[in-house]
Amino acid sequence: MITFLTAVSGIAWTIVYVAVIRIGFTQQTYALPVMALALNIAWESIYSVWGISTDPGLQAGVNVVWALADLVIVHTFLRFGRRELPPFVTRGMFCCWAVGVFATAYVVQWAFVVEFGYAQAARYTAFLQNLLMSVLFIAMFVGRRGPRGQSMTIAIAKWLGTLAPTIVFGVYEHSAFILPLGALCSVVDLAYIALLAQARRDPARFGAGVPRELVHADRPQ
């Protein structure tokens, strides 16, 4: 069962990354909240290097693939991200902000490694930033006044990709830290899925903020 759940998590998160990249280029925006993106690429690059140097197995290889996918997502953020900000944000301000966000993410990730060691830090930070990502997706929905640059595929795959390791570490391994964090992730993820479902049912309420593929998702081809 643990192997199955681990596979579910890996496949679901890969679907998230593929969908985020596709939407980023097709809608010319970034589809992952920037702070979550920064923490993700910091996590995956740090633990890719650690995994390859200590235990070059499947998970280390998956982390490398995810880190490379994150680089593409970072590209969409740098290319299109300034459009999402108010006009007074100059190119220089945007660049300084981006550098600050990504540098902060690496400092935070490394602080956890120093405090808890690689193995424990990997688990703790993964679920903490997952909860943050869940909240930030709702903030993105609110900030963009609808689901522009978002999709039900991302929302559902993100939920399942987090729920599976929550069961592994929180239930099977009895982690009193991970279980409540994972449960909170599911609550917020399901709320986000409900928001997207509402946008699908009532697209006029959100105007131009609803992507065409979300509006017509249930229509026969």
Protein backbone atom coordinates (compact mmCIF):
# COMPACT_ATOMS: atom_id res chain seq x y z
CA MET A 1 0.00 0.00 0.00
CA ILE A 2 2.81 2.41 0.82
CA THR A 3 4.42 1.79 -2.56
CA PHE A 4 1.07 2.38 -4.26
CA LEU A 5 0.47 5.64 -2.39
CA THR A 6 4.00 6.82 -3.16
CA ALA A 7 3.39 6.14 -6.85
CA VAL A 8 0.07 8.00 -6.72
CA SER A 9 1.81 11.01 -5.21
CA GLY A 10 4.57 10.99 -7.81
CA ILE A 11 2.18 10.68 -10.74
CA ALA A 12 -0.22 13.31 -9.38
CA TRP A 13 2.51 15.89 -8.82
CA THR A 14 3.95 15.23 -12.26
CA ILE A 15 0.49 15.97 -13.67
CA VAL A 16 0.47 19.21 -11.69
CA TYR A 17 3.79 20.32 -13.16
CA VAL A 18 2.82 19.43 -16.73
CA ALA A 19 -0.50 21.27 -16.42
CA VAL A 20 1.16 24.31 -14.84
CA ILE A 21 3.70 24.52 -17.68
CA ARG A 22 1.04 24.10 -20.36
CA ILE A 23 -1.23 26.77 -18.88
CA GLY A 24 1.70 29.11 -18.30
CA PHE A 25 2.57 29.18 -21.99
CA THR A 26 -0.94 28.95 -23.47
CA GLN A 27 -2.40 31.69 -21.24
CA GLN A 28 0.86 33.67 -20.97
CA THR A 29 0.93 33.79 -17.20
CA TYR A 30 2.34 31.78 -14.33
CA ALA A 31 0.09 29.08 -12.92
CA LEU A 32 1.83 28.39 -9.61
CA PRO A 33 1.84 30.96 -6.79
CA VAL A 34 5.29 32.51 -6.78
CA MET A 35 6.19 31.87 -3.12
CA ALA A 36 5.14 28.24 -3.49
CA LEU A 37 7.18 28.03 -6.69
CA ALA A 38 10.24 29.44 -4.95
CA LEU A 39 9.95 26.99 -2.05
CA ASN A 40 9.38 24.13 -4.48
CA ILE A 41 12.45 24.74 -6.59
CA ALA A 42 14.55 25.28 -3.46
CA TRP A 43 13.26 22.01 -1.97
CA GLU A 44 13.70 19.96 -5.12
CA SER A 45 17.15 21.27 -6.00
CA ILE A 46 18.49 20.81 -2.46
CA TYR A 47 17.09 17.31 -2.01
CA SER A 48 17.97 16.28 -5.55
CA VAL A 49 21.62 16.95 -4.81
CA TRP A 50 21.36 15.27 -1.40
CA GLY A 51 19.55 12.24 -2.81
CA ILE A 52 21.94 11.72 -5.71
CA SER A 53 24.96 11.99 -3.44
CA THR A 54 23.63 9.68 -0.70
CA ASP A 55 21.00 7.38 -2.20
CA PRO A 56 20.72 7.70 -5.99
CA GLY A 57 17.43 5.85 -6.25
CA LEU A 58 14.05 6.47 -7.84
CA GLN A 59 13.01 9.33 -5.56
CA ALA A 60 16.24 11.21 -6.22
CA GLY A 61 15.66 10.87 -9.95
CA VAL A 62 12.06 12.07 -9.60
CA ASN A 63 13.27 15.08 -7.61
CA VAL A 64 15.66 15.95 -10.43
CA VAL A 65 12.84 15.76 -12.98
CA TRP A 66 10.63 17.96 -10.80
CA ALA A 67 13.44 20.47 -10.33
CA LEU A 68 13.89 20.71 -14.09
CA ALA A 69 10.14 21.21 -14.50
CA ASP A 70 10.30 23.97 -11.90
CA LEU A 71 12.94 25.73 -13.98
CA VAL A 72 10.45 25.90 -16.85
CA ILE A 73 7.77 27.25 -14.49
CA VAL A 74 10.22 29.84 -13.19
CA HIS A 75 10.74 30.88 -16.81
CA THR A 76 6.99 31.47 -17.21
CA PHE A 77 7.00 33.56 -14.03
CA LEU A 78 9.94 35.69 -15.14
CA ARG A 79 8.51 36.09 -18.64
CA PHE A 80 4.88 36.83 -17.79
CA GLY A 81 4.81 37.62 -14.07
CA ARG A 82 5.19 41.37 -14.29
CA ARG A 83 1.89 41.57 -16.19
CA GLU A 84 0.09 40.38 -13.06
CA LEU A 85 1.40 43.31 -10.99
CA PRO A 86 0.28 46.95 -10.83
CA PRO A 87 1.70 49.32 -13.48
CA PHE A 88 3.94 51.11 -10.98
CA VAL A 89 6.06 47.97 -10.59
CA THR A 90 9.01 48.59 -12.90
CA ARG A 91 11.16 45.92 -14.47
CA GLY A 92 13.88 46.64 -11.92
CA MET A 93 11.45 46.36 -9.01
CA PHE A 94 10.11 43.09 -10.40
CA CYS A 95 13.62 41.65 -10.75
CA CYS A 96 14.57 42.66 -7.20
CA TRP A 97 11.36 41.18 -5.86
CA ALA A 98 11.93 37.92 -7.74
CA VAL A 99 15.51 37.60 -6.49
CA GLY A 100 14.35 38.31 -2.95
CA VAL A 101 11.57 35.72 -3.06
CA PHE A 102 13.77 32.92 -4.40
CA ALA A 103 16.68 33.77 -2.11
CA THR A 104 14.34 33.74 0.89
CA ALA A 105 13.06 30.31 -0.09
CA TYR A 106 16.59 28.87 -0.18
CA VAL A 107 17.45 30.42 3.18
CA VAL A 108 14.31 28.95 4.77
CA GLN A 109 14.92 25.50 3.30
CA TRP A 110 18.54 25.48 4.40
CA ALA A 111 17.61 26.62 7.91
CA PHE A 112 15.39 23.54 8.26
CA VAL A 113 18.22 21.30 7.06
CA VAL A 114 20.61 22.79 9.63
CA GLU A 115 18.06 22.46 12.42
CA PHE A 116 16.57 19.01 11.68
CA GLY A 117 18.91 17.27 9.23
CA TYR A 118 18.10 16.38 5.64
CA ALA A 119 15.67 13.49 6.20
CA GLN A 120 13.38 15.19 8.70
CA ALA A 121 13.66 18.62 7.10
CA ALA A 122 12.54 17.17 3.77
CA ARG A 123 9.30 15.92 5.31
CA TYR A 124 8.56 18.93 7.49
CA THR A 125 9.15 21.52 4.79
CA ALA A 126 7.29 19.51 2.15
CA PHE A 127 4.06 19.59 4.14
CA LEU A 128 4.47 23.13 5.45
CA GLN A 129 4.98 24.54 1.96
CA ASN A 130 2.19 22.33 0.67
CA LEU A 131 -0.22 23.94 3.10
CA LEU A 132 1.07 27.37 2.12
CA MET A 133 0.56 26.49 -1.56
CA SER A 134 -3.03 25.43 -0.87
CA VAL A 135 -3.79 28.78 0.74
CA LEU A 136 -1.97 30.71 -1.99
CA PHE A 137 -4.00 29.04 -4.74
CA ILE A 138 -7.15 30.47 -3.15
CA ALA A 139 -5.40 33.83 -2.82
CA MET A 140 -4.52 33.63 -6.53
CA PHE A 141 -8.16 32.93 -7.38
CA VAL A 142 -9.25 35.96 -5.34
CA GLY A 143 -6.48 38.23 -6.63
CA ARG A 144 -7.25 37.41 -10.27
CA ARG A 145 -11.01 37.59 -9.62
CA GLY A 146 -11.46 34.11 -11.01
CA PRO A 147 -9.59 31.04 -12.23
CA ARG A 148 -7.47 32.63 -14.96
CA GLY A 149 -4.17 30.75 -15.13
CA GLN A 150 -5.61 27.89 -13.07
CA SER A 151 -7.38 24.60 -13.77
CA MET A 152 -9.34 21.81 -12.14
CA THR A 153 -6.62 19.37 -13.25
CA ILE A 154 -4.03 21.20 -11.15
CA ALA A 155 -6.38 21.44 -8.18
CA ILE A 156 -7.40 17.78 -8.09
CA ALA A 157 -3.91 16.43 -8.84
CA LYS A 158 -2.42 18.68 -6.14
CA TRP A 159 -4.99 17.40 -3.62
CA LEU A 160 -4.35 13.74 -4.43
CA GLY A 161 -0.59 14.26 -4.61
CA THR A 162 -0.64 15.59 -1.05
CA LEU A 163 -3.27 13.25 0.37
CA ALA A 164 -1.29 10.12 -0.56
CA PRO A 165 1.89 10.99 1.42
CA THR A 166 -0.28 12.29 4.25
CA ILE A 167 -1.63 8.75 4.61
CA VAL A 168 1.87 7.26 4.32
CA PHE A 169 3.59 9.48 6.90
CA GLY A 170 0.64 10.58 9.00
CA VAL A 171 -1.28 7.31 9.27
CA TYR A 172 1.15 4.45 8.58
CA GLU A 173 4.14 6.13 10.25
CA HIS A 174 2.05 7.85 12.96
CA SER A 175 3.52 11.33 12.52
CA ALA A 176 1.68 13.71 14.84
CA PHE A 177 3.17 16.62 12.88
CA ILE A 178 2.37 15.54 9.33
CA LEU A 179 -1.14 14.16 9.88
CA PRO A 180 -2.79 17.47 10.92
CA LEU A 181 -0.85 19.43 8.29
CA GLY A 182 -1.91 16.99 5.59
CA ALA A 183 -5.51 17.09 6.81
CA LEU A 184 -5.49 20.89 6.66
CA CYS A 185 -4.09 20.70 3.12
CA SER A 186 -7.03 18.52 2.10
CA VAL A 187 -9.54 20.92 3.64
CA VAL A 188 -8.09 23.93 1.82
CA ASP A 189 -7.56 21.99 -1.43
CA LEU A 190 -11.20 20.87 -1.42
CA ALA A 191 -12.29 24.47 -0.82
CA TYR A 192 -10.22 25.53 -3.83
CA ILE A 193 -11.75 22.76 -5.96
CA ALA A 194 -15.19 24.02 -4.89
CA LEU A 195 -14.25 27.55 -6.03
CA LEU A 196 -13.20 26.26 -9.45
CA ALA A 197 -16.40 24.22 -9.69
CA GLN A 198 -18.42 27.34 -8.91
CA ALA A 199 -16.57 29.22 -11.65
CA ARG A 200 -17.41 26.40 -14.07
CA ARG A 201 -21.10 26.43 -13.16
CA ASP A 202 -21.43 30.22 -13.23
CA PRO A 203 -18.77 31.63 -15.60
CA ALA A 204 -20.63 34.93 -16.08
CA ARG A 205 -20.01 35.72 -12.42
CA PHE A 206 -16.27 35.80 -13.05
CA GLY A 207 -16.32 37.41 -16.49
CA ALA A 208 -13.11 37.25 -18.50
CA GLY A 209 -11.32 35.58 -15.63
CA VAL A 210 -12.60 32.13 -16.59
CA PRO A 211 -10.38 30.24 -19.07
CA ARG A 212 -12.20 28.89 -22.12
CA GLU A 213 -11.19 25.30 -21.39
CA LEU A 214 -12.71 25.55 -17.88
CA VAL A 215 -15.98 27.06 -19.12
CA HIS A 216 -16.42 24.42 -21.83
CA ALA A 217 -14.96 21.49 -19.90
CA ASP A 218 -18.31 19.71 -19.58
CA ARG A 219 -19.63 20.42 -23.07
CA PRO A 220 -19.69 17.63 -25.65
CA GLN A 221 -17.09 17.93 -28.38
